[in-house]
Amino acid sequence: MKYILNTNSKTLHIEGYCCHTFCSDRKEFDSEDEARAYGRLNIKNCKTCFKNRDKELSKK
């Protein structure tokens, strides 16, 4: 799972979970922890991505 930080809006997305992962100003990470360490406390989760991830994980 790849995590994508939109550097303009400081929003953390998960690749493939919403249409906003294809933004031009982005930085990719291999884990959520790496992204949080890079962005410190100034980033927020994309509601759509994390809701879809939680739905998928609850099905398993």
PDB file of N, CA and C in Angstrom:
ATOM      1  N   MET A   1       0.850  -1.169   0.000  1.00  0.00           N
ATOM      2  CA  MET A   1       0.000   0.000   0.000  1.00  0.00           C
ATOM      3  C   MET A   1       0.899   1.236   0.000  1.00  0.00           C
ATOM      4  N   LYS A   2       0.676   2.134  -0.935  1.00  0.00           N
ATOM      5  CA  LYS A   2       1.440   3.383  -1.010  1.00  0.00           C
ATOM      6  C   LYS A   2       0.604   4.524  -0.452  1.00  0.00           C
ATOM      7  N   TYR A   3       1.263   5.392   0.270  1.00  0.00           N
ATOM      8  CA  TYR A   3       0.620   6.570   0.838  1.00  0.00           C
ATOM      9  C   TYR A   3       1.141   7.790   0.098  1.00  0.00           C
ATOM     10  N   ILE A   4       0.236   8.695  -0.240  1.00  0.00           N
ATOM     11  CA  ILE A   4       0.590   9.867  -1.023  1.00  0.00           C
ATOM     12  C   ILE A   4       0.186  11.117  -0.255  1.00  0.00           C
ATOM     13  N   LEU A   5       1.156  11.986  -0.056  1.00  0.00           N
ATOM     14  CA  LEU A   5       0.911  13.239   0.627  1.00  0.00           C
ATOM     15  C   LEU A   5       0.799  14.345  -0.408  1.00  0.00           C
ATOM     16  N   ASN A   6      -0.361  14.980  -0.458  1.00  0.00           N
ATOM     17  CA  ASN A   6      -0.543  16.152  -1.301  1.00  0.00           C
ATOM     18  C   ASN A   6       0.121  17.303  -0.562  1.00  0.00           C
ATOM     19  N   THR A   7       1.214  17.817  -1.105  1.00  0.00           N
ATOM     20  CA  THR A   7       1.994  18.825  -0.393  1.00  0.00           C
ATOM     21  C   THR A   7       1.317  20.186  -0.357  1.00  0.00           C
ATOM     22  N   ASN A   8       0.380  20.438  -1.256  1.00  0.00           N
ATOM     23  CA  ASN A   8      -0.345  21.711  -1.220  1.00  0.00           C
ATOM     24  C   ASN A   8      -1.400  21.726  -0.119  1.00  0.00           C
ATOM     25  N   SER A   9      -2.240  20.707  -0.086  1.00  0.00           N
ATOM     26  CA  SER A   9      -3.326  20.660   0.893  1.00  0.00           C
ATOM     27  C   SER A   9      -2.933  19.949   2.181  1.00  0.00           C
ATOM     28  N   LYS A  10      -1.751  19.316   2.193  1.00  0.00           N
ATOM     29  CA  LYS A  10      -1.259  18.552   3.340  1.00  0.00           C
ATOM     30  C   LYS A  10      -2.245  17.459   3.749  1.00  0.00           C
ATOM     31  N   THR A  11      -2.789  16.778   2.730  1.00  0.00           N
ATOM     32  CA  THR A  11      -3.726  15.682   2.940  1.00  0.00           C
ATOM     33  C   THR A  11      -3.063  14.370   2.563  1.00  0.00           C
ATOM     34  N   LEU A  12      -3.230  13.371   3.418  1.00  0.00           N
ATOM     35  CA  LEU A  12      -2.648  12.053   3.195  1.00  0.00           C
ATOM     36  C   LEU A  12      -3.671  11.153   2.516  1.00  0.00           C
ATOM     37  N   HIS A  13      -3.307  10.622   1.364  1.00  0.00           N
ATOM     38  CA  HIS A  13      -4.160   9.737   0.574  1.00  0.00           C
ATOM     39  C   HIS A  13      -3.538   8.351   0.516  1.00  0.00           C
ATOM     40  N   ILE A  14      -4.356   7.362   0.173  1.00  0.00           N
ATOM     41  CA  ILE A  14      -3.880   6.004  -0.048  1.00  0.00           C
ATOM     42  C   ILE A  14      -4.090   5.699  -1.527  1.00  0.00           C
ATOM     43  N   GLU A  15      -3.043   5.252  -2.187  1.00  0.00           N
ATOM     44  CA  GLU A  15      -3.092   5.012  -3.630  1.00  0.00           C
ATOM     45  C   GLU A  15      -4.210   4.031  -3.988  1.00  0.00           C
ATOM     46  N   GLY A  16      -5.070   4.457  -4.912  1.00  0.00           N
ATOM     47  CA  GLY A  16      -6.141   3.603  -5.403  1.00  0.00           C
ATOM     48  C   GLY A  16      -7.453   3.711  -4.652  1.00  0.00           C
ATOM     49  N   TYR A  17      -7.521   4.524  -3.607  1.00  0.00           N
ATOM     50  CA  TYR A  17      -8.741   4.609  -2.815  1.00  0.00           C
ATOM     51  C   TYR A  17      -9.589   5.841  -3.117  1.00  0.00           C
ATOM     52  N   CYS A  18      -9.063   6.793  -3.837  1.00  0.00           N
ATOM     53  CA  CYS A  18      -9.866   7.940  -4.283  1.00  0.00           C
ATOM     54  C   CYS A  18      -9.191   8.583  -5.502  1.00  0.00           C
ATOM     55  N   CYS A  19      -9.914   9.485  -6.152  1.00  0.00           N
ATOM     56  CA  CYS A  19      -9.409  10.092  -7.386  1.00  0.00           C
ATOM     57  C   CYS A  19      -8.366  11.182  -7.130  1.00  0.00           C
ATOM     58  N   HIS A  20      -8.203  11.610  -5.901  1.00  0.00           N
ATOM     59  CA  HIS A  20      -7.280  12.706  -5.597  1.00  0.00           C
ATOM     60  C   HIS A  20      -5.837  12.255  -5.421  1.00  0.00           C
ATOM     61  N   THR A  21      -5.582  10.967  -5.595  1.00  0.00           N
ATOM     62  CA  THR A  21      -4.209  10.487  -5.451  1.00  0.00           C
ATOM     63  C   THR A  21      -3.343  10.852  -6.652  1.00  0.00           C
ATOM     64  N   PHE A  22      -3.946  11.360  -7.699  1.00  0.00           N
ATOM     65  CA  PHE A  22      -3.203  11.707  -8.913  1.00  0.00           C
ATOM     66  C   PHE A  22      -2.914  13.192  -9.013  1.00  0.00           C
ATOM     67  N   CYS A  23      -2.702  13.852  -7.875  1.00  0.00           N
ATOM     68  CA  CYS A  23      -2.405  15.284  -7.865  1.00  0.00           C
ATOM     69  C   CYS A  23      -0.972  15.514  -8.364  1.00  0.00           C
ATOM     70  N   SER A  24      -0.698  16.718  -8.780  1.00  0.00           N
ATOM     71  CA  SER A  24       0.626  17.013  -9.330  1.00  0.00           C
ATOM     72  C   SER A  24       1.663  17.272  -8.233  1.00  0.00           C
ATOM     73  N   ASP A  25       1.254  17.864  -7.131  1.00  0.00           N
ATOM     74  CA  ASP A  25       2.176  18.172  -6.028  1.00  0.00           C
ATOM     75  C   ASP A  25       2.058  17.088  -4.974  1.00  0.00           C
ATOM     76  N   ARG A  26       2.835  16.023  -5.142  1.00  0.00           N
ATOM     77  CA  ARG A  26       2.691  14.868  -4.270  1.00  0.00           C
ATOM     78  C   ARG A  26       4.034  14.302  -3.880  1.00  0.00           C
ATOM     79  N   LYS A  27       4.037  13.612  -2.771  1.00  0.00           N
ATOM     80  CA  LYS A  27       5.218  12.903  -2.293  1.00  0.00           C
ATOM     81  C   LYS A  27       4.739  11.527  -1.865  1.00  0.00           C
ATOM     82  N   GLU A  28       5.411  10.481  -2.343  1.00  0.00           N
ATOM     83  CA  GLU A  28       4.986   9.101  -2.084  1.00  0.00           C
ATOM     84  C   GLU A  28       5.785   8.480  -0.949  1.00  0.00           C
ATOM     85  N   PHE A  29       5.109   7.637  -0.173  1.00  0.00           N
ATOM     86  CA  PHE A  29       5.721   6.927   0.947  1.00  0.00           C
ATOM     87  C   PHE A  29       5.271   5.478   0.927  1.00  0.00           C
ATOM     88  N   ASP A  30       6.093   4.599   1.482  1.00  0.00           N
ATOM     89  CA  ASP A  30       5.764   3.179   1.552  1.00  0.00           C
ATOM     90  C   ASP A  30       4.916   2.836   2.772  1.00  0.00           C
ATOM     91  N   SER A  31       4.904   3.697   3.783  1.00  0.00           N
ATOM     92  CA  SER A  31       4.102   3.426   4.973  1.00  0.00           C
ATOM     93  C   SER A  31       3.485   4.720   5.497  1.00  0.00           C
ATOM     94  N   GLU A  32       2.434   4.536   6.271  1.00  0.00           N
ATOM     95  CA  GLU A  32       1.759   5.692   6.871  1.00  0.00           C
ATOM     96  C   GLU A  32       2.677   6.377   7.878  1.00  0.00           C
ATOM     97  N   ASP A  33       3.476   5.592   8.584  1.00  0.00           N
ATOM     98  CA  ASP A  33       4.409   6.159   9.569  1.00  0.00           C
ATOM     99  C   ASP A  33       5.446   7.065   8.926  1.00  0.00           C
ATOM    100  N   GLU A  34       5.954   6.664   7.763  1.00  0.00           N
ATOM    101  CA  GLU A  34       6.926   7.500   7.041  1.00  0.00           C
ATOM    102  C   GLU A  34       6.301   8.833   6.646  1.00  0.00           C
ATOM    103  N   ALA A  35       5.071   8.786   6.165  1.00  0.00           N
ATOM    104  CA  ALA A  35       4.381  10.006   5.745  1.00  0.00           C
ATOM    105  C   ALA A  35       4.145  10.930   6.932  1.00  0.00           C
ATOM    106  N   ARG A  36       3.735  10.358   8.050  1.00  0.00           N
ATOM    107  CA  ARG A  36       3.489  11.162   9.252  1.00  0.00           C
ATOM    108  C   ARG A  36       4.791  11.767   9.785  1.00  0.00           C
ATOM    109  N   ALA A  37       5.882  11.027   9.705  1.00  0.00           N
ATOM    110  CA  ALA A  37       7.170  11.552  10.157  1.00  0.00           C
ATOM    111  C   ALA A  37       7.609  12.720   9.272  1.00  0.00           C
ATOM    112  N   TYR A  38       7.354  12.611   7.984  1.00  0.00           N
ATOM    113  CA  TYR A  38       7.718  13.681   7.048  1.00  0.00           C
ATOM    114  C   TYR A  38       6.846  14.919   7.272  1.00  0.00           C
ATOM    115  N   GLY A  39       5.536  14.714   7.412  1.00  0.00           N
ATOM    116  CA  GLY A  39       4.613  15.838   7.536  1.00  0.00           C
ATOM    117  C   GLY A  39       4.417  16.345   8.943  1.00  0.00           C
ATOM    118  N   ARG A  40       4.954  15.641   9.906  1.00  0.00           N
ATOM    119  CA  ARG A  40       4.806  15.953  11.332  1.00  0.00           C
ATOM    120  C   ARG A  40       3.324  16.001  11.696  1.00  0.00           C
ATOM    121  N   LEU A  41       2.892  16.960  12.446  1.00  0.00           N
ATOM    122  CA  LEU A  41       1.501  17.020  12.903  1.00  0.00           C
ATOM    123  C   LEU A  41       0.611  17.825  11.970  1.00  0.00           C
ATOM    124  N   ASN A  42       1.168  18.327  10.894  1.00  0.00           N
ATOM    125  CA  ASN A  42       0.423  19.239  10.021  1.00  0.00           C
ATOM    126  C   ASN A  42      -0.341  18.556   8.904  1.00  0.00           C
ATOM    127  N   ILE A  43      -0.516  17.235   8.925  1.00  0.00           N
ATOM    128  CA  ILE A  43      -1.233  16.571   7.846  1.00  0.00           C
ATOM    129  C   ILE A  43      -2.551  16.001   8.356  1.00  0.00           C
ATOM    130  N   LYS A  44      -3.488  15.887   7.434  1.00  0.00           N
ATOM    131  CA  LYS A  44      -4.796  15.307   7.765  1.00  0.00           C
ATOM    132  C   LYS A  44      -5.062  14.134   6.828  1.00  0.00           C
ATOM    133  N   ASN A  45      -5.911  13.227   7.262  1.00  0.00           N
ATOM    134  CA  ASN A  45      -6.273  12.062   6.454  1.00  0.00           C
ATOM    135  C   ASN A  45      -7.370  12.429   5.472  1.00  0.00           C
ATOM    136  N   CYS A  46      -7.302  11.863   4.279  1.00  0.00           N
ATOM    137  CA  CYS A  46      -8.390  11.981   3.312  1.00  0.00           C
ATOM    138  C   CYS A  46      -9.535  11.106   3.827  1.00  0.00           C
ATOM    139  N   LYS A  47     -10.696  11.697   4.038  1.00  0.00           N
ATOM    140  CA  LYS A  47     -11.843  10.961   4.582  1.00  0.00           C
ATOM    141  C   LYS A  47     -12.247   9.810   3.678  1.00  0.00           C
ATOM    142  N   THR A  48     -12.246  10.035   2.376  1.00  0.00           N
ATOM    143  CA  THR A  48     -12.656   9.007   1.417  1.00  0.00           C
ATOM    144  C   THR A  48     -11.693   7.821   1.433  1.00  0.00           C
ATOM    145  N   CYS A  49     -10.408   8.094   1.373  1.00  0.00           N
ATOM    146  CA  CYS A  49      -9.405   7.018   1.344  1.00  0.00           C
ATOM    147  C   CYS A  49      -9.465   6.161   2.598  1.00  0.00           C
ATOM    148  N   PHE A  50      -9.490   6.795   3.752  1.00  0.00           N
ATOM    149  CA  PHE A  50      -9.429   6.036   4.986  1.00  0.00           C
ATOM    150  C   PHE A  50     -10.741   5.323   5.282  1.00  0.00           C
ATOM    151  N   LYS A  51     -11.858   5.888   4.843  1.00  0.00           N
ATOM    152  CA  LYS A  51     -13.144   5.201   4.989  1.00  0.00           C
ATOM    153  C   LYS A  51     -13.169   3.952   4.116  1.00  0.00           C
ATOM    154  N   ASN A  52     -12.707   4.071   2.875  1.00  0.00           N
ATOM    155  CA  ASN A  52     -12.664   2.914   1.975  1.00  0.00           C
ATOM    156  C   ASN A  52     -11.676   1.853   2.472  1.00  0.00           C
ATOM    157  N   ARG A  53     -10.549   2.269   3.029  1.00  0.00           N
ATOM    158  CA  ARG A  53      -9.587   1.318   3.581  1.00  0.00           C
ATOM    159  C   ARG A  53     -10.193   0.562   4.764  1.00  0.00           C
ATOM    160  N   ASP A  54     -10.880   1.273   5.630  1.00  0.00           N
ATOM    161  CA  ASP A  54     -11.494   0.634   6.795  1.00  0.00           C
ATOM    162  C   ASP A  54     -12.580  -0.360   6.384  1.00  0.00           C
ATOM    163  N   LYS A  55     -13.350  -0.019   5.352  1.00  0.00           N
ATOM    164  CA  LYS A  55     -14.370  -0.948   4.843  1.00  0.00           C
ATOM    165  C   LYS A  55     -13.721  -2.220   4.316  1.00  0.00           C
ATOM    166  N   GLU A  56     -12.655  -2.051   3.566  1.00  0.00           N
ATOM    167  CA  GLU A  56     -11.959  -3.206   2.980  1.00  0.00           C
ATOM    168  C   GLU A  56     -11.354  -4.083   4.075  1.00  0.00           C
ATOM    169  N   LEU A  57     -10.767  -3.474   5.090  1.00  0.00           N
ATOM    170  CA  LEU A  57     -10.145  -4.242   6.162  1.00  0.00           C
ATOM    171  C   LEU A  57     -11.178  -4.962   7.021  1.00  0.00           C
ATOM    172  N   SER A  58     -12.368  -4.385   7.171  1.00  0.00           N
ATOM    173  CA  SER A  58     -13.396  -5.024   7.991  1.00  0.00           C
ATOM    174  C   SER A  58     -13.997  -6.228   7.275  1.00  0.00           C
ATOM    175  N   LYS A  59     -13.920  -6.280   5.954  1.00  0.00           N
ATOM    176  CA  LYS A  59     -14.434  -7.416   5.177  1.00  0.00           C
ATOM    177  C   LYS A  59     -13.539  -8.650   5.338  1.00  0.00           C
ATOM    178  N   LYS A  60     -12.268  -8.434   5.624  1.00  0.00           N
ATOM    179  CA  LYS A  60     -11.299  -9.547   5.696  1.00  0.00           C
ATOM    180  C   LYS A  60     -11.388 -10.281   6.989  1.00  0.00           C
TER     181      LYS A  60
END
